[in-house]
Amino acid sequence: MWRRCICATSRAAGRLASRLSPLVSRLSGLTHISGPQM
């Protein structure tokens, strides 16, 4: 029961991470570029 829940959550987390990684990299690049200007 617990293992199934953990497996499901980890799978959902992996899906979210794969979906958010491009956005995060883009945002980190923007912050890295705009960092010195601030």
PDB file of N, CA and C in Angstrom:
ATOM      1  N   MET A   1       0.832  -1.199   0.000  1.00  0.00           N
ATOM      2  CA  MET A   1       0.000   0.000   0.000  1.00  0.00           C
ATOM      3  C   MET A   1       0.873   1.258   0.000  1.00  0.00           C
ATOM      4  N   TRP A   2       1.761   1.351   0.998  1.00  0.00           N
ATOM      5  CA  TRP A   2       2.657   2.519   1.058  1.00  0.00           C
ATOM      6  C   TRP A   2       3.582   2.538  -0.148  1.00  0.00           C
ATOM      7  N   ARG A   3       4.094   1.355  -0.486  1.00  0.00           N
ATOM      8  CA  ARG A   3       5.025   1.301  -1.620  1.00  0.00           C
ATOM      9  C   ARG A   3       4.338   1.730  -2.901  1.00  0.00           C
ATOM     10  N   ARG A   4       3.083   1.329  -3.058  1.00  0.00           N
ATOM     11  CA  ARG A   4       2.355   1.695  -4.270  1.00  0.00           C
ATOM     12  C   ARG A   4       2.172   3.207  -4.326  1.00  0.00           C
ATOM     13  N   CYS A   5       1.848   3.813  -3.182  1.00  0.00           N
ATOM     14  CA  CYS A   5       1.649   5.262  -3.137  1.00  0.00           C
ATOM     15  C   CYS A   5       2.956   5.984  -3.461  1.00  0.00           C
ATOM     16  N   ILE A   6       4.052   5.504  -2.868  1.00  0.00           N
ATOM     17  CA  ILE A   6       5.357   6.127  -3.104  1.00  0.00           C
ATOM     18  C   ILE A   6       5.744   5.981  -4.574  1.00  0.00           C
ATOM     19  N   CYS A   7       5.463   4.810  -5.132  1.00  0.00           N
ATOM     20  CA  CYS A   7       5.807   4.579  -6.538  1.00  0.00           C
ATOM     21  C   CYS A   7       5.000   5.515  -7.431  1.00  0.00           C
ATOM     22  N   ALA A   8       3.719   5.664  -7.125  1.00  0.00           N
ATOM     23  CA  ALA A   8       2.866   6.542  -7.927  1.00  0.00           C
ATOM     24  C   ALA A   8       3.331   7.990  -7.813  1.00  0.00           C
ATOM     25  N   THR A   9       3.650   8.421  -6.596  1.00  0.00           N
ATOM     26  CA  THR A   9       4.081   9.801  -6.400  1.00  0.00           C
ATOM     27  C   THR A   9       5.414  10.049  -7.091  1.00  0.00           C
ATOM     28  N   SER A  10       6.319   9.061  -6.999  1.00  0.00           N
ATOM     29  CA  SER A  10       7.626   9.227  -7.643  1.00  0.00           C
ATOM     30  C   SER A  10       7.462   9.286  -9.158  1.00  0.00           C
ATOM     31  N   ARG A  11       6.536   8.479  -9.679  1.00  0.00           N
ATOM     32  CA  ARG A  11       6.297   8.488 -11.124  1.00  0.00           C
ATOM     33  C   ARG A  11       5.723   9.840 -11.547  1.00  0.00           C
ATOM     34  N   ALA A  12       4.768  10.355 -10.772  1.00  0.00           N
ATOM     35  CA  ALA A  12       4.176  11.662 -11.079  1.00  0.00           C
ATOM     36  C   ALA A  12       5.235  12.752 -10.960  1.00  0.00           C
ATOM     37  N   ALA A  13       6.101  12.635  -9.951  1.00  0.00           N
ATOM     38  CA  ALA A  13       7.161  13.629  -9.768  1.00  0.00           C
ATOM     39  C   ALA A  13       8.110  13.602 -10.960  1.00  0.00           C
ATOM     40  N   GLY A  14       8.436  12.418 -11.448  1.00  0.00           N
ATOM     41  CA  GLY A  14       9.311  12.300 -12.610  1.00  0.00           C
ATOM     42  C   GLY A  14       8.677  12.939 -13.831  1.00  0.00           C
ATOM     43  N   ARG A  15       7.362  12.720 -13.974  1.00  0.00           N
ATOM     44  CA  ARG A  15       6.658  13.313 -15.114  1.00  0.00           C
ATOM     45  C   ARG A  15       6.683  14.836 -15.011  1.00  0.00           C
ATOM     46  N   LEU A  16       6.417  15.348 -13.806  1.00  0.00           N
ATOM     47  CA  LEU A  16       6.427  16.800 -13.607  1.00  0.00           C
ATOM     48  C   LEU A  16       7.822  17.360 -13.841  1.00  0.00           C
ATOM     49  N   ALA A  17       8.836  16.659 -13.350  1.00  0.00           N
ATOM     50  CA  ALA A  17      10.213  17.131 -13.510  1.00  0.00           C
ATOM     51  C   ALA A  17      10.579  17.195 -14.992  1.00  0.00           C
ATOM     52  N   SER A  18      10.217  16.150 -15.733  1.00  0.00           N
ATOM     53  CA  SER A  18      10.542  16.129 -17.166  1.00  0.00           C
ATOM     54  C   SER A  18       9.795  17.236 -17.896  1.00  0.00           C
ATOM     55  N   ARG A  19       8.601  17.566 -17.390  1.00  0.00           N
ATOM     56  CA  ARG A  19       7.820  18.616 -18.043  1.00  0.00           C
ATOM     57  C   ARG A  19       8.322  20.001 -17.645  1.00  0.00           C
ATOM     58  N   LEU A  20       8.833  20.135 -16.405  1.00  0.00           N
ATOM     59  CA  LEU A  20       9.238  21.447 -15.908  1.00  0.00           C
ATOM     60  C   LEU A  20      10.704  21.754 -16.179  1.00  0.00           C
ATOM     61  N   SER A  21      11.514  20.729 -16.445  1.00  0.00           N
ATOM     62  CA  SER A  21      12.953  20.967 -16.616  1.00  0.00           C
ATOM     63  C   SER A  21      13.256  22.008 -17.690  1.00  0.00           C
ATOM     64  N   PRO A  22      12.608  21.999 -18.862  1.00  0.00           N
ATOM     65  CA  PRO A  22      12.886  23.046 -19.859  1.00  0.00           C
ATOM     66  C   PRO A  22      12.518  24.432 -19.342  1.00  0.00           C
ATOM     67  N   LEU A  23      11.370  24.524 -18.648  1.00  0.00           N
ATOM     68  CA  LEU A  23      10.959  25.830 -18.111  1.00  0.00           C
ATOM     69  C   LEU A  23      11.949  26.304 -17.059  1.00  0.00           C
ATOM     70  N   VAL A  24      12.382  25.387 -16.205  1.00  0.00           N
ATOM     71  CA  VAL A  24      13.325  25.753 -15.137  1.00  0.00           C
ATOM     72  C   VAL A  24      14.648  26.198 -15.743  1.00  0.00           C
ATOM     73  N   SER A  25      15.111  25.476 -16.755  1.00  0.00           N
ATOM     74  CA  SER A  25      16.388  25.847 -17.387  1.00  0.00           C
ATOM     75  C   SER A  25      16.258  27.209 -18.061  1.00  0.00           C
ATOM     76  N   ARG A  26      15.102  27.459 -18.665  1.00  0.00           N
ATOM     77  CA  ARG A  26      14.889  28.744 -19.330  1.00  0.00           C
ATOM     78  C   ARG A  26      14.847  29.869 -18.292  1.00  0.00           C
ATOM     79  N   LEU A  27      14.130  29.623 -17.179  1.00  0.00           N
ATOM     80  CA  LEU A  27      14.037  30.639 -16.132  1.00  0.00           C
ATOM     81  C   LEU A  27      15.409  30.871 -15.491  1.00  0.00           C
ATOM     82  N   SER A  28      16.150  29.800 -15.242  1.00  0.00           N
ATOM     83  CA  SER A  28      17.473  29.954 -14.634  1.00  0.00           C
ATOM     84  C   SER A  28      18.396  30.713 -15.575  1.00  0.00           C
ATOM     85  N   GLY A  29      18.271  30.478 -16.874  1.00  0.00           N
ATOM     86  CA  GLY A  29      19.073  31.214 -17.839  1.00  0.00           C
ATOM     87  C   GLY A  29      18.715  32.685 -17.828  1.00  0.00           C
ATOM     88  N   LEU A  30      17.423  32.981 -17.759  1.00  0.00           N
ATOM     89  CA  LEU A  30      16.984  34.381 -17.719  1.00  0.00           C
ATOM     90  C   LEU A  30      17.497  35.057 -16.452  1.00  0.00           C
ATOM     91  N   THR A  31      17.373  34.374 -15.313  1.00  0.00           N
ATOM     92  CA  THR A  31      17.835  34.963 -14.052  1.00  0.00           C
ATOM     93  C   THR A  31      19.346  35.117 -14.078  1.00  0.00           C
ATOM     94  N   HIS A  32      20.035  34.157 -14.698  1.00  0.00           N
ATOM     95  CA  HIS A  32      21.498  34.238 -14.774  1.00  0.00           C
ATOM     96  C   HIS A  32      21.917  35.430 -15.643  1.00  0.00           C
ATOM     97  N   ILE A  33      21.145  35.679 -16.699  1.00  0.00           N
ATOM     98  CA  ILE A  33      21.471  36.796 -17.597  1.00  0.00           C
ATOM     99  C   ILE A  33      21.131  38.129 -16.920  1.00  0.00           C
ATOM    100  N   SER A  34      19.960  38.189 -16.252  1.00  0.00           N
ATOM    101  CA  SER A  34      19.515  39.437 -15.649  1.00  0.00           C
ATOM    102  C   SER A  34      20.114  39.643 -14.258  1.00  0.00           C
ATOM    103  N   GLY A  35      20.854  38.660 -13.751  1.00  0.00           N
ATOM    104  CA  GLY A  35      21.428  38.786 -12.411  1.00  0.00           C
ATOM    105  C   GLY A  35      22.411  39.940 -12.298  1.00  0.00           C
ATOM    106  N   PRO A  36      23.472  39.975 -13.107  1.00  0.00           N
ATOM    107  CA  PRO A  36      24.465  41.048 -13.000  1.00  0.00           C
ATOM    108  C   PRO A  36      23.864  42.432 -13.239  1.00  0.00           C
ATOM    109  N   GLN A  37      22.853  42.531 -14.113  1.00  0.00           N
ATOM    110  CA  GLN A  37      22.241  43.834 -14.387  1.00  0.00           C
ATOM    111  C   GLN A  37      21.562  44.386 -13.143  1.00  0.00           C
ATOM    112  N   MET A  38      20.932  43.484 -12.342  1.00  0.00           N
ATOM    113  CA  MET A  38      20.269  43.936 -11.122  1.00  0.00           C
ATOM    114  C   MET A  38      21.332  44.331 -10.088  1.00  0.00           C
TER     115      MET A  38
END
